[in-house]
């Protein structure tokens, strides 16, 4: 099923909104935890802070890879359009806009997914 251009934009907008809500929650929780931890970290704090440092390069690599794959697909579609006949400049402009939106959405998805998962996990009451 092919999604419309409008729903793709809504999807990207929804991702931005979710990231905008989740990221400040995660930052506030982690800063509070750092302030409360003091000089001697518990095993739980060490795991959290190590995970916090490790998740950023992983999310960046996932984001970069997703954007690269989407860009390669767009280049293939453009190359194929040269052989099938191009409908016109207006179509190309709309297609380019939708392609750029799709590339951005694919790149944002891993970062949003991790931020929302962290916000949910950190909002749960801690197990004792």
PDB file of N, CA and C in Angstrom:
ATOM      1  N   UNK A   1       0.842  -1.178   0.000  1.00  0.00           N
ATOM      2  CA  UNK A   1       0.000   0.000   0.000  1.00  0.00           C
ATOM      3  C   UNK A   1       0.886   1.240   0.000  1.00  0.00           C
ATOM      4  N   UNK A   2       0.675   2.129  -0.920  1.00  0.00           N
ATOM      5  CA  UNK A   2       1.442   3.355  -1.027  1.00  0.00           C
ATOM      6  C   UNK A   2       0.770   4.429  -0.181  1.00  0.00           C
ATOM      7  N   UNK A   3       1.557   5.041   0.691  1.00  0.00           N
ATOM      8  CA  UNK A   3       1.017   6.108   1.530  1.00  0.00           C
ATOM      9  C   UNK A   3       1.079   7.425   0.775  1.00  0.00           C
ATOM     10  N   UNK A   4       0.137   8.264   1.041  1.00  0.00           N
ATOM     11  CA  UNK A   4       0.105   9.554   0.357  1.00  0.00           C
ATOM     12  C   UNK A   4       1.193  10.466   0.910  1.00  0.00           C
ATOM     13  N   UNK A   5       1.494  11.490   0.140  1.00  0.00           N
ATOM     14  CA  UNK A   5       2.502  12.454   0.545  1.00  0.00           C
ATOM     15  C   UNK A   5       2.095  13.144   1.848  1.00  0.00           C
ATOM     16  N   UNK A   6       0.806  13.425   1.984  1.00  0.00           N
ATOM     17  CA  UNK A   6       0.302  14.101   3.176  1.00  0.00           C
ATOM     18  C   UNK A   6       0.503  13.235   4.424  1.00  0.00           C
ATOM     19  N   UNK A   7       0.229  11.930   4.316  1.00  0.00           N
ATOM     20  CA  UNK A   7       0.380  11.066   5.488  1.00  0.00           C
ATOM     21  C   UNK A   7       1.846  10.904   5.861  1.00  0.00           C
ATOM     22  N   UNK A   8       2.747  10.945   4.855  1.00  0.00           N
ATOM     23  CA  UNK A   8       4.175  10.870   5.157  1.00  0.00           C
ATOM     24  C   UNK A   8       4.606  12.096   5.944  1.00  0.00           C
ATOM     25  N   UNK A   9       4.119  13.263   5.524  1.00  0.00           N
ATOM     26  CA  UNK A   9       4.460  14.484   6.244  1.00  0.00           C
ATOM     27  C   UNK A   9       3.886  14.450   7.655  1.00  0.00           C
ATOM     28  N   UNK A  10       2.675  13.956   7.791  1.00  0.00           N
ATOM     29  CA  UNK A  10       2.081  13.837   9.120  1.00  0.00           C
ATOM     30  C   UNK A  10       2.908  12.889   9.966  1.00  0.00           C
ATOM     31  N   UNK A  11       3.394  11.825   9.350  1.00  0.00           N
ATOM     32  CA  UNK A  11       4.207  10.870  10.072  1.00  0.00           C
ATOM     33  C   UNK A  11       5.507  11.522  10.546  1.00  0.00           C
ATOM     34  N   UNK A  12       6.148  12.284   9.668  1.00  0.00           N
ATOM     35  CA  UNK A  12       7.380  12.971  10.057  1.00  0.00           C
ATOM     36  C   UNK A  12       7.083  14.015  11.137  1.00  0.00           C
ATOM     37  N   UNK A  13       5.973  14.729  10.998  1.00  0.00           N
ATOM     38  CA  UNK A  13       5.596  15.724  12.002  1.00  0.00           C
ATOM     39  C   UNK A  13       5.307  15.058  13.343  1.00  0.00           C
ATOM     40  N   UNK A  14       4.653  13.909  13.296  1.00  0.00           N
ATOM     41  CA  UNK A  14       4.375  13.172  14.526  1.00  0.00           C
ATOM     42  C   UNK A  14       5.673  12.715  15.183  1.00  0.00           C
ATOM     43  N   UNK A  15       6.626  12.270  14.371  1.00  0.00           N
ATOM     44  CA  UNK A  15       7.919  11.858  14.922  1.00  0.00           C
ATOM     45  C   UNK A  15       8.614  13.029  15.617  1.00  0.00           C
ATOM     46  N   UNK A  16       8.594  14.201  14.972  1.00  0.00           N
ATOM     47  CA  UNK A  16       9.207  15.378  15.587  1.00  0.00           C
ATOM     48  C   UNK A  16       8.514  15.735  16.907  1.00  0.00           C
ATOM     49  N   UNK A  17       7.190  15.658  16.927  1.00  0.00           N
ATOM     50  CA  UNK A  17       6.439  15.968  18.149  1.00  0.00           C
ATOM     51  C   UNK A  17       6.772  14.981  19.262  1.00  0.00           C
ATOM     52  N   UNK A  18       6.823  13.697  18.926  1.00  0.00           N
ATOM     53  CA  UNK A  18       7.159  12.688  19.935  1.00  0.00           C
ATOM     54  C   UNK A  18       8.569  12.897  20.465  1.00  0.00           C
ATOM     55  N   UNK A  19       9.503  13.198  19.573  1.00  0.00           N
ATOM     56  CA  UNK A  19      10.877  13.457  20.004  1.00  0.00           C
ATOM     57  C   UNK A  19      10.937  14.712  20.870  1.00  0.00           C
ATOM     58  N   UNK A  20      10.177  15.733  20.483  1.00  0.00           N
ATOM     59  CA  UNK A  20      10.148  16.973  21.256  1.00  0.00           C
ATOM     60  C   UNK A  20       9.590  16.798  22.659  1.00  0.00           C
ATOM     61  N   UNK A  21       8.709  15.830  22.846  1.00  0.00           N
ATOM     62  CA  UNK A  21       8.171  15.550  24.180  1.00  0.00           C
ATOM     63  C   UNK A  21       9.066  14.601  24.970  1.00  0.00           C
ATOM     64  N   UNK A  22       9.627  13.605  24.299  1.00  0.00           N
ATOM     65  CA  UNK A  22      10.394  12.570  24.995  1.00  0.00           C
ATOM     66  C   UNK A  22      11.777  13.054  25.426  1.00  0.00           C
ATOM     67  N   UNK A  23      12.468  13.792  24.569  1.00  0.00           N
ATOM     68  CA  UNK A  23      13.849  14.186  24.866  1.00  0.00           C
ATOM     69  C   UNK A  23      13.973  15.013  26.153  1.00  0.00           C
ATOM     70  N   UNK A  24      13.154  16.042  26.372  1.00  0.00           N
ATOM     71  CA  UNK A  24      13.276  16.792  27.624  1.00  0.00           C
ATOM     72  C   UNK A  24      12.981  15.940  28.867  1.00  0.00           C
ATOM     73  N   UNK A  25      12.059  14.986  28.741  1.00  0.00           N
ATOM     74  CA  UNK A  25      11.770  14.096  29.876  1.00  0.00           C
ATOM     75  C   UNK A  25      12.997  13.260  30.226  1.00  0.00           C
ATOM     76  N   UNK A  26      13.647  12.721  29.203  1.00  0.00           N
ATOM     77  CA  UNK A  26      14.830  11.886  29.423  1.00  0.00           C
ATOM     78  C   UNK A  26      15.959  12.727  30.009  1.00  0.00           C
ATOM     79  N   UNK A  27      16.184  13.904  29.452  1.00  0.00           N
ATOM     80  CA  UNK A  27      17.254  14.779  29.947  1.00  0.00           C
ATOM     81  C   UNK A  27      17.000  15.160  31.402  1.00  0.00           C
ATOM     82  N   UNK A  28      15.781  15.551  31.727  1.00  0.00           N
ATOM     83  CA  UNK A  28      15.458  15.937  33.108  1.00  0.00           C
ATOM     84  C   UNK A  28      15.666  14.771  34.068  1.00  0.00           C
ATOM     85  N   UNK A  29      15.215  13.592  33.680  1.00  0.00           N
ATOM     86  CA  UNK A  29      15.372  12.423  34.551  1.00  0.00           C
ATOM     87  C   UNK A  29      16.850  12.115  34.772  1.00  0.00           C
ATOM     88  N   UNK A  30      17.614  12.128  33.691  1.00  0.00           N
ATOM     89  CA  UNK A  30      19.032  11.766  33.803  1.00  0.00           C
ATOM     90  C   UNK A  30      19.831  12.823  34.551  1.00  0.00           C
ATOM     91  N   UNK A  31      19.536  14.092  34.347  1.00  0.00           N
ATOM     92  CA  UNK A  31      20.241  15.130  35.104  1.00  0.00           C
ATOM     93  C   UNK A  31      19.923  15.032  36.590  1.00  0.00           C
ATOM     94  N   UNK A  32      18.659  14.778  36.906  1.00  0.00           N
ATOM     95  CA  UNK A  32      18.289  14.580  38.304  1.00  0.00           C
ATOM     96  C   UNK A  32      18.989  13.380  38.904  1.00  0.00           C
ATOM     97  N   UNK A  33      19.092  12.346  38.125  1.00  0.00           N
ATOM     98  CA  UNK A  33      19.765  11.132  38.601  1.00  0.00           C
ATOM     99  C   UNK A  33      21.256  11.381  38.813  1.00  0.00           C
ATOM    100  N   UNK A  34      21.879  12.140  37.913  1.00  0.00           N
ATOM    101  CA  UNK A  34      23.300  12.472  38.075  1.00  0.00           C
ATOM    102  C   UNK A  34      23.521  13.308  39.324  1.00  0.00           C
ATOM    103  N   UNK A  35      22.635  14.266  39.545  1.00  0.00           N
ATOM    104  CA  UNK A  35      22.770  15.130  40.716  1.00  0.00           C
ATOM    105  C   UNK A  35      22.593  14.336  42.003  1.00  0.00           C
ATOM    106  N   UNK A  36      21.675  13.379  41.996  1.00  0.00           N
ATOM    107  CA  UNK A  36      21.410  12.586  43.198  1.00  0.00           C
ATOM    108  C   UNK A  36      22.434  11.478  43.413  1.00  0.00           C
ATOM    109  N   UNK A  37      23.150  11.094  42.367  1.00  0.00           N
ATOM    110  CA  UNK A  37      24.064   9.949  42.465  1.00  0.00           C
ATOM    111  C   UNK A  37      25.246  10.223  43.380  1.00  0.00           C
ATOM    112  N   UNK A  38      25.750  11.436  43.355  1.00  0.00           N
ATOM    113  CA  UNK A  38      26.921  11.731  44.163  1.00  0.00           C
ATOM    114  C   UNK A  38      28.178  11.127  43.550  1.00  0.00           C
ATOM    115  N   UNK A  39      29.276  11.122  44.335  1.00  0.00           N
ATOM    116  CA  UNK A  39      30.552  10.660  43.775  1.00  0.00           C
ATOM    117  C   UNK A  39      30.643   9.141  43.589  1.00  0.00           C
ATOM    118  N   UNK A  40      29.890   8.382  44.368  1.00  0.00           N
ATOM    119  CA  UNK A  40      29.939   6.919  44.263  1.00  0.00           C
ATOM    120  C   UNK A  40      28.662   6.447  43.565  1.00  0.00           C
ATOM    121  N   UNK A  41      28.836   5.853  42.383  1.00  0.00           N
ATOM    122  CA  UNK A  41      27.686   5.425  41.590  1.00  0.00           C
ATOM    123  C   UNK A  41      27.266   4.009  41.954  1.00  0.00           C
ATOM    124  N   UNK A  42      25.972   3.799  41.992  1.00  0.00           N
ATOM    125  CA  UNK A  42      25.451   2.445  42.184  1.00  0.00           C
ATOM    126  C   UNK A  42      25.601   1.680  40.867  1.00  0.00           C
ATOM    127  N   UNK A  43      25.437   0.366  40.932  1.00  0.00           N
ATOM    128  CA  UNK A  43      25.524  -0.448  39.717  1.00  0.00           C
ATOM    129  C   UNK A  43      24.447  -0.018  38.719  1.00  0.00           C
ATOM    130  N   UNK A  44      23.278   0.300  39.228  1.00  0.00           N
ATOM    131  CA  UNK A  44      22.172   0.740  38.363  1.00  0.00           C
ATOM    132  C   UNK A  44      22.512   2.056  37.664  1.00  0.00           C
ATOM    133  N   UNK A  45      23.111   3.004  38.417  1.00  0.00           N
ATOM    134  CA  UNK A  45      23.507   4.279  37.818  1.00  0.00           C
ATOM    135  C   UNK A  45      24.621   4.084  36.792  1.00  0.00           C
ATOM    136  N   UNK A  46      25.589   3.220  37.104  1.00  0.00           N
ATOM    137  CA  UNK A  46      26.666   2.955  36.146  1.00  0.00           C
ATOM    138  C   UNK A  46      26.103   2.399  34.841  1.00  0.00           C
ATOM    139  N   UNK A  47      25.165   1.462  34.944  1.00  0.00           N
ATOM    140  CA  UNK A  47      24.541   0.889  33.739  1.00  0.00           C
ATOM    141  C   UNK A  47      23.807   1.970  32.944  1.00  0.00           C
ATOM    142  N   UNK A  48      23.060   2.794  33.648  1.00  0.00           N
ATOM    143  CA  UNK A  48      22.290   3.851  32.978  1.00  0.00           C
ATOM    144  C   UNK A  48      23.215   4.852  32.284  1.00  0.00           C
ATOM    145  N   UNK A  49      24.259   5.290  32.979  1.00  0.00           N
ATOM    146  CA  UNK A  49      25.151   6.297  32.406  1.00  0.00           C
ATOM    147  C   UNK A  49      25.985   5.722  31.264  1.00  0.00           C
ATOM    148  N   UNK A  50      26.378   4.465  31.369  1.00  0.00           N
ATOM    149  CA  UNK A  50      27.104   3.822  30.274  1.00  0.00           C
ATOM    150  C   UNK A  50      26.181   3.670  29.063  1.00  0.00           C
ATOM    151  N   UNK A  51      24.955   3.224  29.313  1.00  0.00           N
ATOM    152  CA  UNK A  51      23.986   3.098  28.223  1.00  0.00           C
ATOM    153  C   UNK A  51      23.704   4.438  27.570  1.00  0.00           C
ATOM    154  N   UNK A  52      23.663   5.494  28.392  1.00  0.00           N
ATOM    155  CA  UNK A  52      23.411   6.839  27.889  1.00  0.00           C
ATOM    156  C   UNK A  52      24.524   7.251  26.915  1.00  0.00           C
ATOM    157  N   UNK A  53      25.760   6.912  27.243  1.00  0.00           N
ATOM    158  CA  UNK A  53      26.881   7.270  26.373  1.00  0.00           C
ATOM    159  C   UNK A  53      26.927   6.402  25.117  1.00  0.00           C
ATOM    160  N   UNK A  54      26.540   5.143  25.242  1.00  0.00           N
ATOM    161  CA  UNK A  54      26.633   4.209  24.116  1.00  0.00           C
ATOM    162  C   UNK A  54      25.488   4.364  23.117  1.00  0.00           C
ATOM    163  N   UNK A  55      24.325   4.802  23.571  1.00  0.00           N
ATOM    164  CA  UNK A  55      23.165   4.826  22.674  1.00  0.00           C
ATOM    165  C   UNK A  55      23.268   5.900  21.599  1.00  0.00           C
ATOM    166  N   UNK A  56      24.012   6.954  21.868  1.00  0.00           N
ATOM    167  CA  UNK A  56      24.079   8.047  20.898  1.00  0.00           C
ATOM    168  C   UNK A  56      24.808   7.659  19.613  1.00  0.00           C
ATOM    169  N   UNK A  57      26.012   7.063  19.679  1.00  0.00           N
ATOM    170  CA  UNK A  57      26.644   6.647  18.419  1.00  0.00           C
ATOM    171  C   UNK A  57      25.853   5.560  17.690  1.00  0.00           C
ATOM    172  N   UNK A  58      25.193   4.686  18.435  1.00  0.00           N
ATOM    173  CA  UNK A  58      24.389   3.629  17.801  1.00  0.00           C
ATOM    174  C   UNK A  58      23.210   4.251  17.054  1.00  0.00           C
ATOM    175  N   UNK A  59      22.492   5.165  17.704  1.00  0.00           N
ATOM    176  CA  UNK A  59      21.349   5.819  17.051  1.00  0.00           C
ATOM    177  C   UNK A  59      21.815   6.640  15.845  1.00  0.00           C
ATOM    178  N   UNK A  60      22.972   7.293  15.970  1.00  0.00           N
ATOM    179  CA  UNK A  60      23.506   8.063  14.845  1.00  0.00           C
ATOM    180  C   UNK A  60      23.815   7.142  13.670  1.00  0.00           C
ATOM    181  N   UNK A  61      24.455   6.007  13.937  1.00  0.00           N
ATOM    182  CA  UNK A  61      24.783   5.061  12.860  1.00  0.00           C
ATOM    183  C   UNK A  61      23.515   4.515  12.208  1.00  0.00           C
ATOM    184  N   UNK A  62      22.516   4.187  13.011  1.00  0.00           N
ATOM    185  CA  UNK A  62      21.247   3.696  12.455  1.00  0.00           C
ATOM    186  C   UNK A  62      20.580   4.778  11.604  1.00  0.00           C
ATOM    187  N   UNK A  63      20.607   6.004  12.095  1.00  0.00           N
ATOM    188  CA  UNK A  63      20.005   7.122  11.378  1.00  0.00           C
ATOM    189  C   UNK A  63      20.731   7.366  10.053  1.00  0.00           C
ATOM    190  N   UNK A  64      22.045   7.405  10.110  1.00  0.00           N
ATOM    191  CA  UNK A  64      22.855   7.645   8.923  1.00  0.00           C
ATOM    192  C   UNK A  64      22.624   6.553   7.879  1.00  0.00           C
ATOM    193  N   UNK A  65      22.585   5.300   8.338  1.00  0.00           N
ATOM    194  CA  UNK A  65      22.367   4.175   7.427  1.00  0.00           C
ATOM    195  C   UNK A  65      20.987   4.252   6.780  1.00  0.00           C
ATOM    196  N   UNK A  66      19.969   4.555   7.572  1.00  0.00           N
ATOM    197  CA  UNK A  66      18.609   4.652   7.029  1.00  0.00           C
ATOM    198  C   UNK A  66      18.515   5.767   5.990  1.00  0.00           C
ATOM    199  N   UNK A  67      19.160   6.896   6.264  1.00  0.00           N
ATOM    200  CA  UNK A  67      19.138   8.000   5.305  1.00  0.00           C
ATOM    201  C   UNK A  67      19.910   7.631   4.037  1.00  0.00           C
ATOM    202  N   UNK A  68      21.022   6.932   4.196  1.00  0.00           N
ATOM    203  CA  UNK A  68      21.821   6.517   3.051  1.00  0.00           C
ATOM    204  C   UNK A  68      21.023   5.573   2.156  1.00  0.00           C
ATOM    205  N   UNK A  69      20.368   4.583   2.765  1.00  0.00           N
ATOM    206  CA  UNK A  69      19.567   3.626   1.993  1.00  0.00           C
ATOM    207  C   UNK A  69      18.455   4.353   1.239  1.00  0.00           C
ATOM    208  N   UNK A  70      17.775   5.253   1.908  1.00  0.00           N
ATOM    209  CA  UNK A  70      16.679   5.992   1.262  1.00  0.00           C
ATOM    210  C   UNK A  70      17.211   6.869   0.132  1.00  0.00           C
ATOM    211  N   UNK A  71      18.394   7.453   0.310  1.00  0.00           N
ATOM    212  CA  UNK A  71      19.005   8.271  -0.739  1.00  0.00           C
ATOM    213  C   UNK A  71      19.377   7.424  -1.950  1.00  0.00           C
ATOM    214  N   UNK A  72      19.943   6.244  -1.707  1.00  0.00           N
ATOM    215  CA  UNK A  72      20.290   5.344  -2.814  1.00  0.00           C
ATOM    216  C   UNK A  72      19.034   4.941  -3.587  1.00  0.00           C
ATOM    217  N   UNK A  73      17.965   4.632  -2.866  1.00  0.00           N
ATOM    218  CA  UNK A  73      16.704   4.287  -3.538  1.00  0.00           C
ATOM    219  C   UNK A  73      16.192   5.456  -4.383  1.00  0.00           C
ATOM    220  N   UNK A  74      16.311   6.666  -3.856  1.00  0.00           N
ATOM    221  CA  UNK A  74      15.865   7.846  -4.605  1.00  0.00           C
ATOM    222  C   UNK A  74      16.715   8.041  -5.857  1.00  0.00           C
ATOM    223  N   UNK A  75      18.017   7.810  -5.741  1.00  0.00           N
ATOM    224  CA  UNK A  75      18.891   7.934  -6.909  1.00  0.00           C
ATOM    225  C   UNK A  75      18.535   6.892  -7.967  1.00  0.00           C
ATOM    226  N   UNK A  76      18.216   5.687  -7.524  1.00  0.00           N
ATOM    227  CA  UNK A  76      17.818   4.643  -8.471  1.00  0.00           C
ATOM    228  C   UNK A  76      16.513   5.019  -9.174  1.00  0.00           C
ATOM    229  N   UNK A  77      15.572   5.569  -8.420  1.00  0.00           N
ATOM    230  CA  UNK A  77      14.307   5.994  -9.032  1.00  0.00           C
ATOM    231  C   UNK A  77      14.539   7.109 -10.051  1.00  0.00           C
ATOM    232  N   UNK A  78      15.433   8.032  -9.719  1.00  0.00           N
ATOM    233  CA  UNK A  78      15.740   9.122 -10.644  1.00  0.00           C
ATOM    234  C   UNK A  78      16.387   8.572 -11.913  1.00  0.00           C
ATOM    235  N   UNK A  79      17.347   7.661 -11.752  1.00  0.00           N
ATOM    236  CA  UNK A  79      18.003   7.066 -12.919  1.00  0.00           C
ATOM    237  C   UNK A  79      16.994   6.307 -13.778  1.00  0.00           C
ATOM    238  N   UNK A  80      16.099   5.582 -13.142  1.00  0.00           N
ATOM    239  CA  UNK A  80      15.085   4.831 -13.884  1.00  0.00           C
ATOM    240  C   UNK A  80      14.136   5.772 -14.626  1.00  0.00           C
ATOM    241  N   UNK A  81      13.844   6.918 -14.028  1.00  0.00           N
ATOM    242  CA  UNK A  81      12.930   7.865 -14.681  1.00  0.00           C
ATOM    243  C   UNK A  81      13.529   8.422 -15.970  1.00  0.00           C
ATOM    244  N   UNK A  82      14.850   8.441 -16.076  1.00  0.00           N
ATOM    245  CA  UNK A  82      15.485   8.917 -17.306  1.00  0.00           C
ATOM    246  C   UNK A  82      15.197   7.984 -18.479  1.00  0.00           C
ATOM    247  N   UNK A  83      15.015   6.700 -18.178  1.00  0.00           N
ATOM    248  CA  UNK A  83      14.761   5.721 -19.227  1.00  0.00           C
ATOM    249  C   UNK A  83      13.275   5.540 -19.527  1.00  0.00           C
ATOM    250  N   UNK A  84      12.426   5.914 -18.592  1.00  0.00           N
ATOM    251  CA  UNK A  84      10.987   5.705 -18.776  1.00  0.00           C
ATOM    252  C   UNK A  84      10.260   6.962 -19.238  1.00  0.00           C
ATOM    253  N   UNK A  85      10.953   8.056 -19.295  1.00  0.00           N
ATOM    254  CA  UNK A  85      10.316   9.302 -19.698  1.00  0.00           C
ATOM    255  C   UNK A  85       9.867  10.081 -18.475  1.00  0.00           C
ATOM    256  N   UNK A  86      10.285  11.312 -18.385  1.00  0.00           N
ATOM    257  CA  UNK A  86       9.973  12.145 -17.228  1.00  0.00           C
ATOM    258  C   UNK A  86       8.712  12.952 -17.518  1.00  0.00           C
ATOM    259  N   UNK A  87       7.698  12.896 -16.643  1.00  0.00           N
ATOM    260  CA  UNK A  87       6.436  13.601 -16.890  1.00  0.00           C
ATOM    261  C   UNK A  87       6.558  15.120 -16.994  1.00  0.00           C
ATOM    262  N   UNK A  88       7.454  15.733 -16.284  1.00  0.00           N
ATOM    263  CA  UNK A  88       7.576  17.182 -16.358  1.00  0.00           C
ATOM    264  C   UNK A  88       8.243  17.744 -15.120  1.00  0.00           C
ATOM    265  N   UNK A  89       8.589  19.015 -15.191  1.00  0.00           N
ATOM    266  CA  UNK A  89       9.306  19.646 -14.090  1.00  0.00           C
ATOM    267  C   UNK A  89       8.468  19.742 -12.821  1.00  0.00           C
ATOM    268  N   UNK A  90       7.179  19.987 -12.944  1.00  0.00           N
ATOM    269  CA  UNK A  90       6.322  20.076 -11.752  1.00  0.00           C
ATOM    270  C   UNK A  90       6.303  18.745 -11.013  1.00  0.00           C
ATOM    271  N   UNK A  91       6.199  17.657 -11.765  1.00  0.00           N
ATOM    272  CA  UNK A  91       6.212  16.326 -11.143  1.00  0.00           C
ATOM    273  C   UNK A  91       7.554  16.081 -10.464  1.00  0.00           C
ATOM    274  N   UNK A  92       8.650  16.465 -11.130  1.00  0.00           N
ATOM    275  CA  UNK A  92       9.976  16.268 -10.550  1.00  0.00           C
ATOM    276  C   UNK A  92      10.129  17.054  -9.253  1.00  0.00           C
ATOM    277  N   UNK A  93       9.615  18.271  -9.222  1.00  0.00           N
ATOM    278  CA  UNK A  93       9.714  19.092  -8.012  1.00  0.00           C
ATOM    279  C   UNK A  93       8.931  18.463  -6.864  1.00  0.00           C
ATOM    280  N   UNK A  94       7.712  17.999  -7.134  1.00  0.00           N
ATOM    281  CA  UNK A  94       6.915  17.338  -6.087  1.00  0.00           C
ATOM    282  C   UNK A  94       7.594  16.057  -5.616  1.00  0.00           C
ATOM    283  N   UNK A  95       8.118  15.312  -6.560  1.00  0.00           N
ATOM    284  CA  UNK A  95       8.794  14.059  -6.228  1.00  0.00           C
ATOM    285  C   UNK A  95      10.043  14.335  -5.383  1.00  0.00           C
ATOM    286  N   UNK A  96      10.799  15.378  -5.736  1.00  0.00           N
ATOM    287  CA  UNK A  96      12.002  15.723  -4.979  1.00  0.00           C
ATOM    288  C   UNK A  96      11.642  16.129  -3.551  1.00  0.00           C
ATOM    289  N   UNK A  97      10.585  16.910  -3.403  1.00  0.00           N
ATOM    290  CA  UNK A  97      10.155  17.332  -2.063  1.00  0.00           C
ATOM    291  C   UNK A  97       9.746  16.130  -1.216  1.00  0.00           C
ATOM    292  N   UNK A  98       8.966  15.243  -1.797  1.00  0.00           N
ATOM    293  CA  UNK A  98       8.528  14.045  -1.069  1.00  0.00           C
ATOM    294  C   UNK A  98       9.714  13.158  -0.725  1.00  0.00           C
ATOM    295  N   UNK A  99      10.673  13.066  -1.631  1.00  0.00           N
ATOM    296  CA  UNK A  99      11.860  12.244  -1.387  1.00  0.00           C
ATOM    297  C   UNK A  99      12.676  12.806  -0.233  1.00  0.00           C
ATOM    298  N   UNK A 100      12.876  14.110  -0.208  1.00  0.00           N
ATOM    299  CA  UNK A 100      13.633  14.726   0.888  1.00  0.00           C
ATOM    300  C   UNK A 100      12.911  14.551   2.224  1.00  0.00           C
ATOM    301  N   UNK A 101      11.596  14.678   2.213  1.00  0.00           N
ATOM    302  CA  UNK A 101      10.818  14.441   3.439  1.00  0.00           C
ATOM    303  C   UNK A 101      10.987  13.005   3.915  1.00  0.00           C
ATOM    304  N   UNK A 102      10.955  12.068   2.977  1.00  0.00           N
ATOM    305  CA  UNK A 102      11.090  10.652   3.316  1.00  0.00           C
ATOM    306  C   UNK A 102      12.487  10.354   3.869  1.00  0.00           C
ATOM    307  N   UNK A 103      13.523  10.949   3.280  1.00  0.00           N
ATOM    308  CA  UNK A 103      14.890  10.751   3.765  1.00  0.00           C
ATOM    309  C   UNK A 103      15.014  11.282   5.191  1.00  0.00           C
ATOM    310  N   UNK A 104      14.470  12.468   5.438  1.00  0.00           N
ATOM    311  CA  UNK A 104      14.529  13.050   6.785  1.00  0.00           C
ATOM    312  C   UNK A 104      13.767  12.197   7.794  1.00  0.00           C
ATOM    313  N   UNK A 105      12.597  11.715   7.409  1.00  0.00           N
ATOM    314  CA  UNK A 105      11.795  10.881   8.319  1.00  0.00           C
ATOM    315  C   UNK A 105      12.515   9.584   8.648  1.00  0.00           C
ATOM    316  N   UNK A 106      13.146   8.980   7.644  1.00  0.00           N
ATOM    317  CA  UNK A 106      13.883   7.730   7.886  1.00  0.00           C
ATOM    318  C   UNK A 106      15.068   7.972   8.817  1.00  0.00           C
ATOM    319  N   UNK A 107      15.717   9.118   8.674  1.00  0.00           N
ATOM    320  CA  UNK A 107      16.847   9.436   9.540  1.00  0.00           C
ATOM    321  C   UNK A 107      16.430   9.761  10.962  1.00  0.00           C
ATOM    322  N   UNK A 108      15.274  10.348  11.116  1.00  0.00           N
ATOM    323  CA  UNK A 108      14.784  10.718  12.443  1.00  0.00           C
ATOM    324  C   UNK A 108      14.260   9.517  13.225  1.00  0.00           C
ATOM    325  N   UNK A 109      13.757   8.520  12.527  1.00  0.00           N
ATOM    326  CA  UNK A 109      13.077   7.392  13.177  1.00  0.00           C
ATOM    327  C   UNK A 109      13.908   6.695  14.258  1.00  0.00           C
ATOM    328  N   UNK A 110      15.188   6.324  14.020  1.00  0.00           N
ATOM    329  CA  UNK A 110      15.935   5.630  15.081  1.00  0.00           C
ATOM    330  C   UNK A 110      16.151   6.495  16.327  1.00  0.00           C
ATOM    331  N   UNK A 111      16.377   7.780  16.129  1.00  0.00           N
ATOM    332  CA  UNK A 111      16.594   8.689  17.261  1.00  0.00           C
ATOM    333  C   UNK A 111      15.305   8.835  18.062  1.00  0.00           C
ATOM    334  N   UNK A 112      14.183   9.029  17.360  1.00  0.00           N
ATOM    335  CA  UNK A 112      12.887   9.150  18.033  1.00  0.00           C
ATOM    336  C   UNK A 112      12.532   7.874  18.769  1.00  0.00           C
ATOM    337  N   UNK A 113      12.765   6.747  18.115  1.00  0.00           N
ATOM    338  CA  UNK A 113      12.440   5.453  18.721  1.00  0.00           C
ATOM    339  C   UNK A 113      13.191   5.274  20.045  1.00  0.00           C
ATOM    340  N   UNK A 114      14.484   5.613  20.068  1.00  0.00           N
ATOM    341  CA  UNK A 114      15.292   5.454  21.282  1.00  0.00           C
ATOM    342  C   UNK A 114      14.858   6.452  22.353  1.00  0.00           C
ATOM    343  N   UNK A 115      14.594   7.684  21.976  1.00  0.00           N
ATOM    344  CA  UNK A 115      14.187   8.698  22.955  1.00  0.00           C
ATOM    345  C   UNK A 115      12.847   8.345  23.591  1.00  0.00           C
ATOM    346  N   UNK A 116      11.893   7.904  22.786  1.00  0.00           N
ATOM    347  CA  UNK A 116      10.574   7.534  23.318  1.00  0.00           C
ATOM    348  C   UNK A 116      10.695   6.302  24.212  1.00  0.00           C
ATOM    349  N   UNK A 117      11.500   5.325  23.799  1.00  0.00           N
ATOM    350  CA  UNK A 117      11.703   4.125  24.624  1.00  0.00           C
ATOM    351  C   UNK A 117      12.354   4.492  25.954  1.00  0.00           C
ATOM    352  N   UNK A 118      13.337   5.391  25.924  1.00  0.00           N
ATOM    353  CA  UNK A 118      13.984   5.832  27.165  1.00  0.00           C
ATOM    354  C   UNK A 118      12.996   6.568  28.065  1.00  0.00           C
ATOM    355  N   UNK A 119      12.184   7.437  27.487  1.00  0.00           N
ATOM    356  CA  UNK A 119      11.210   8.179  28.291  1.00  0.00           C
ATOM    357  C   UNK A 119      10.237   7.224  28.975  1.00  0.00           C
ATOM    358  N   UNK A 120       9.774   6.224  28.247  1.00  0.00           N
ATOM    359  CA  UNK A 120       8.854   5.242  28.847  1.00  0.00           C
ATOM    360  C   UNK A 120       9.547   4.444  29.943  1.00  0.00           C
ATOM    361  N   UNK A 121      10.768   3.985  29.655  1.00  0.00           N
ATOM    362  CA  UNK A 121      11.497   3.166  30.624  1.00  0.00           C
ATOM    363  C   UNK A 121      11.819   3.964  31.888  1.00  0.00           C
ATOM    364  N   UNK A 122      12.266   5.192  31.720  1.00  0.00           N
ATOM    365  CA  UNK A 122      12.655   6.001  32.875  1.00  0.00           C
ATOM    366  C   UNK A 122      11.449   6.500  33.666  1.00  0.00           C
ATOM    367  N   UNK A 123      10.282   6.557  33.044  1.00  0.00           N
ATOM    368  CA  UNK A 123       9.071   7.008  33.741  1.00  0.00           C
ATOM    369  C   UNK A 123       8.492   5.922  34.642  1.00  0.00           C
ATOM    370  N   UNK A 124       8.842   4.663  34.372  1.00  0.00           N
ATOM    371  CA  UNK A 124       8.331   3.572  35.213  1.00  0.00           C
ATOM    372  C   UNK A 124       8.950   3.664  36.596  1.00  0.00           C
ATOM    373  N   UNK A 125       8.197   3.263  37.619  1.00  0.00           N
ATOM    374  CA  UNK A 125       8.775   3.247  38.960  1.00  0.00           C
ATOM    375  C   UNK A 125       9.919   2.240  39.011  1.00  0.00           C
ATOM    376  N   UNK A 126      10.992   2.617  39.702  1.00  0.00           N
ATOM    377  CA  UNK A 126      12.153   1.724  39.731  1.00  0.00           C
ATOM    378  C   UNK A 126      11.885   0.508  40.613  1.00  0.00           C
ATOM    379  N   UNK A 127      12.399  -0.618  40.158  1.00  0.00           N
ATOM    380  CA  UNK A 127      12.272  -1.868  40.925  1.00  0.00           C
ATOM    381  C   UNK A 127      13.293  -1.855  42.048  1.00  0.00           C
ATOM    382  N   UNK A 128      12.882  -2.278  43.186  1.00  0.00           N
ATOM    383  CA  UNK A 128      13.805  -2.285  44.333  1.00  0.00           C
ATOM    384  C   UNK A 128      14.180  -3.673  44.690  1.00  0.00           C
TER     385      UNK A 128
END
